[in-house]
């Protein structure tokens, strides 16, 4: 996946999560429905867990529910 596509997907995920506490499946459905043809369940899962969650850009509130962290808010502001 190209850097520009990754950044676009990451920004979309952060935008969704920034709106409040949201369940993983809702985040996934909304991100995949953004009409980005390169987004699949696997690319979403990789960016969500392996990048955003692992690096502290989003955090788990309760089981299956996530929110954006301060670090994630800063990343969202600098992503194109």
C-alpha atoms as a PDB file:
ATOM      1  CA  UNK A   1       0.000   0.000   0.000  1.00  0.00           C
ATOM      2  CA  UNK A   2       1.332   3.427  -0.906  1.00  0.00           C
ATOM      3  CA  UNK A   3       2.104   6.013   1.773  1.00  0.00           C
ATOM      4  CA  UNK A   4      -0.591   8.359   0.474  1.00  0.00           C
ATOM      5  CA  UNK A   5      -3.219   5.615   0.665  1.00  0.00           C
ATOM      6  CA  UNK A   6      -2.105   4.639   4.171  1.00  0.00           C
ATOM      7  CA  UNK A   7      -2.284   8.249   5.332  1.00  0.00           C
ATOM      8  CA  UNK A   8      -5.725   8.631   3.790  1.00  0.00           C
ATOM      9  CA  UNK A   9      -7.020   5.526   5.567  1.00  0.00           C
ATOM     10  CA  UNK A  10      -5.423   6.550   8.874  1.00  0.00           C
ATOM     11  CA  UNK A  11      -6.991  10.010   8.631  1.00  0.00           C
ATOM     12  CA  UNK A  12     -10.401   8.489   7.876  1.00  0.00           C
ATOM     13  CA  UNK A  13     -10.155   6.163  10.885  1.00  0.00           C
ATOM     14  CA  UNK A  14      -9.037   8.995  13.177  1.00  0.00           C
ATOM     15  CA  UNK A  15     -11.858  11.238  11.904  1.00  0.00           C
ATOM     16  CA  UNK A  16     -14.402   8.537  12.735  1.00  0.00           C
ATOM     17  CA  UNK A  17     -12.939   7.793  16.171  1.00  0.00           C
ATOM     18  CA  UNK A  18     -12.614  11.514  17.009  1.00  0.00           C
ATOM     19  CA  UNK A  19     -16.400  11.868  17.027  1.00  0.00           C
ATOM     20  CA  UNK A  20     -16.630  10.002  20.342  1.00  0.00           C
ATOM     21  CA  UNK A  21     -16.548   6.525  21.806  1.00  0.00           C
ATOM     22  CA  UNK A  22     -17.312   4.177  18.946  1.00  0.00           C
ATOM     23  CA  UNK A  23     -17.423   0.420  18.517  1.00  0.00           C
ATOM     24  CA  UNK A  24     -14.817  -1.326  16.353  1.00  0.00           C
ATOM     25  CA  UNK A  25     -17.339  -2.768  13.882  1.00  0.00           C
ATOM     26  CA  UNK A  26     -18.886   0.666  13.319  1.00  0.00           C
ATOM     27  CA  UNK A  27     -15.439   2.157  12.699  1.00  0.00           C
ATOM     28  CA  UNK A  28     -14.626  -0.631  10.253  1.00  0.00           C
ATOM     29  CA  UNK A  29     -17.915  -0.326   8.330  1.00  0.00           C
ATOM     30  CA  UNK A  30     -17.629   3.445   8.011  1.00  0.00           C
ATOM     31  CA  UNK A  31     -13.968   3.334   6.952  1.00  0.00           C
ATOM     32  CA  UNK A  32     -14.588   0.662   4.309  1.00  0.00           C
ATOM     33  CA  UNK A  33     -17.665   2.561   3.049  1.00  0.00           C
ATOM     34  CA  UNK A  34     -15.615   5.703   2.334  1.00  0.00           C
ATOM     35  CA  UNK A  35     -15.374   4.617  -1.310  1.00  0.00           C
ATOM     36  CA  UNK A  36     -11.609   4.175  -1.191  1.00  0.00           C
ATOM     37  CA  UNK A  37     -11.190   1.203  -3.533  1.00  0.00           C
ATOM     38  CA  UNK A  38      -7.989  -0.011  -1.863  1.00  0.00           C
ATOM     39  CA  UNK A  39      -9.573  -0.409   1.584  1.00  0.00           C
ATOM     40  CA  UNK A  40     -10.413  -3.971   2.553  1.00  0.00           C
ATOM     41  CA  UNK A  41     -11.129  -5.521   5.930  1.00  0.00           C
ATOM     42  CA  UNK A  42      -7.491  -6.630   6.087  1.00  0.00           C
ATOM     43  CA  UNK A  43      -5.985  -3.239   5.237  1.00  0.00           C
ATOM     44  CA  UNK A  44      -8.312  -1.620   7.762  1.00  0.00           C
ATOM     45  CA  UNK A  45      -7.393  -4.111  10.476  1.00  0.00           C
ATOM     46  CA  UNK A  46      -3.658  -3.684   9.824  1.00  0.00           C
ATOM     47  CA  UNK A  47      -3.800   0.104  10.061  1.00  0.00           C
ATOM     48  CA  UNK A  48      -6.165   0.057  13.033  1.00  0.00           C
ATOM     49  CA  UNK A  49      -4.391  -2.471  15.251  1.00  0.00           C
ATOM     50  CA  UNK A  50      -0.813  -2.570  14.007  1.00  0.00           C
ATOM     51  CA  UNK A  51      -0.349   1.155  13.544  1.00  0.00           C
ATOM     52  CA  UNK A  52      -2.933   3.394  15.241  1.00  0.00           C
ATOM     53  CA  UNK A  53      -3.610   1.321  18.360  1.00  0.00           C
ATOM     54  CA  UNK A  54      -0.062  -0.019  18.739  1.00  0.00           C
ATOM     55  CA  UNK A  55       1.412   3.507  18.558  1.00  0.00           C
ATOM     56  CA  UNK A  56      -1.086   5.085  20.949  1.00  0.00           C
ATOM     57  CA  UNK A  57      -3.047   7.182  18.448  1.00  0.00           C
ATOM     58  CA  UNK A  58      -6.291   5.550  19.537  1.00  0.00           C
ATOM     59  CA  UNK A  59      -7.095   3.881  22.807  1.00  0.00           C
ATOM     60  CA  UNK A  60      -9.503   1.251  23.982  1.00  0.00           C
ATOM     61  CA  UNK A  61     -12.147   2.549  26.379  1.00  0.00           C
ATOM     62  CA  UNK A  62     -13.925  -0.732  27.044  1.00  0.00           C
ATOM     63  CA  UNK A  63     -14.172  -4.013  25.210  1.00  0.00           C
ATOM     64  CA  UNK A  64     -14.565  -3.184  21.508  1.00  0.00           C
ATOM     65  CA  UNK A  65     -15.009   0.564  22.072  1.00  0.00           C
ATOM     66  CA  UNK A  66     -12.315   3.047  21.064  1.00  0.00           C
ATOM     67  CA  UNK A  67     -11.573   6.757  21.242  1.00  0.00           C
ATOM     68  CA  UNK A  68      -8.855   9.043  19.933  1.00  0.00           C
ATOM     69  CA  UNK A  69      -5.915   9.935  22.174  1.00  0.00           C
ATOM     70  CA  UNK A  70      -4.163  13.308  22.430  1.00  0.00           C
ATOM     71  CA  UNK A  71      -1.384  11.884  20.296  1.00  0.00           C
ATOM     72  CA  UNK A  72      -3.962  10.788  17.728  1.00  0.00           C
ATOM     73  CA  UNK A  73      -5.524  14.248  17.713  1.00  0.00           C
ATOM     74  CA  UNK A  74      -2.126  15.745  16.888  1.00  0.00           C
ATOM     75  CA  UNK A  75      -1.584  13.211  14.077  1.00  0.00           C
ATOM     76  CA  UNK A  76      -5.036  14.000  12.690  1.00  0.00           C
ATOM     77  CA  UNK A  77      -4.132  17.695  12.511  1.00  0.00           C
ATOM     78  CA  UNK A  78      -0.959  17.068  10.481  1.00  0.00           C
ATOM     79  CA  UNK A  79      -2.242  14.394   8.085  1.00  0.00           C
ATOM     80  CA  UNK A  80      -3.037  15.818   4.619  1.00  0.00           C
END
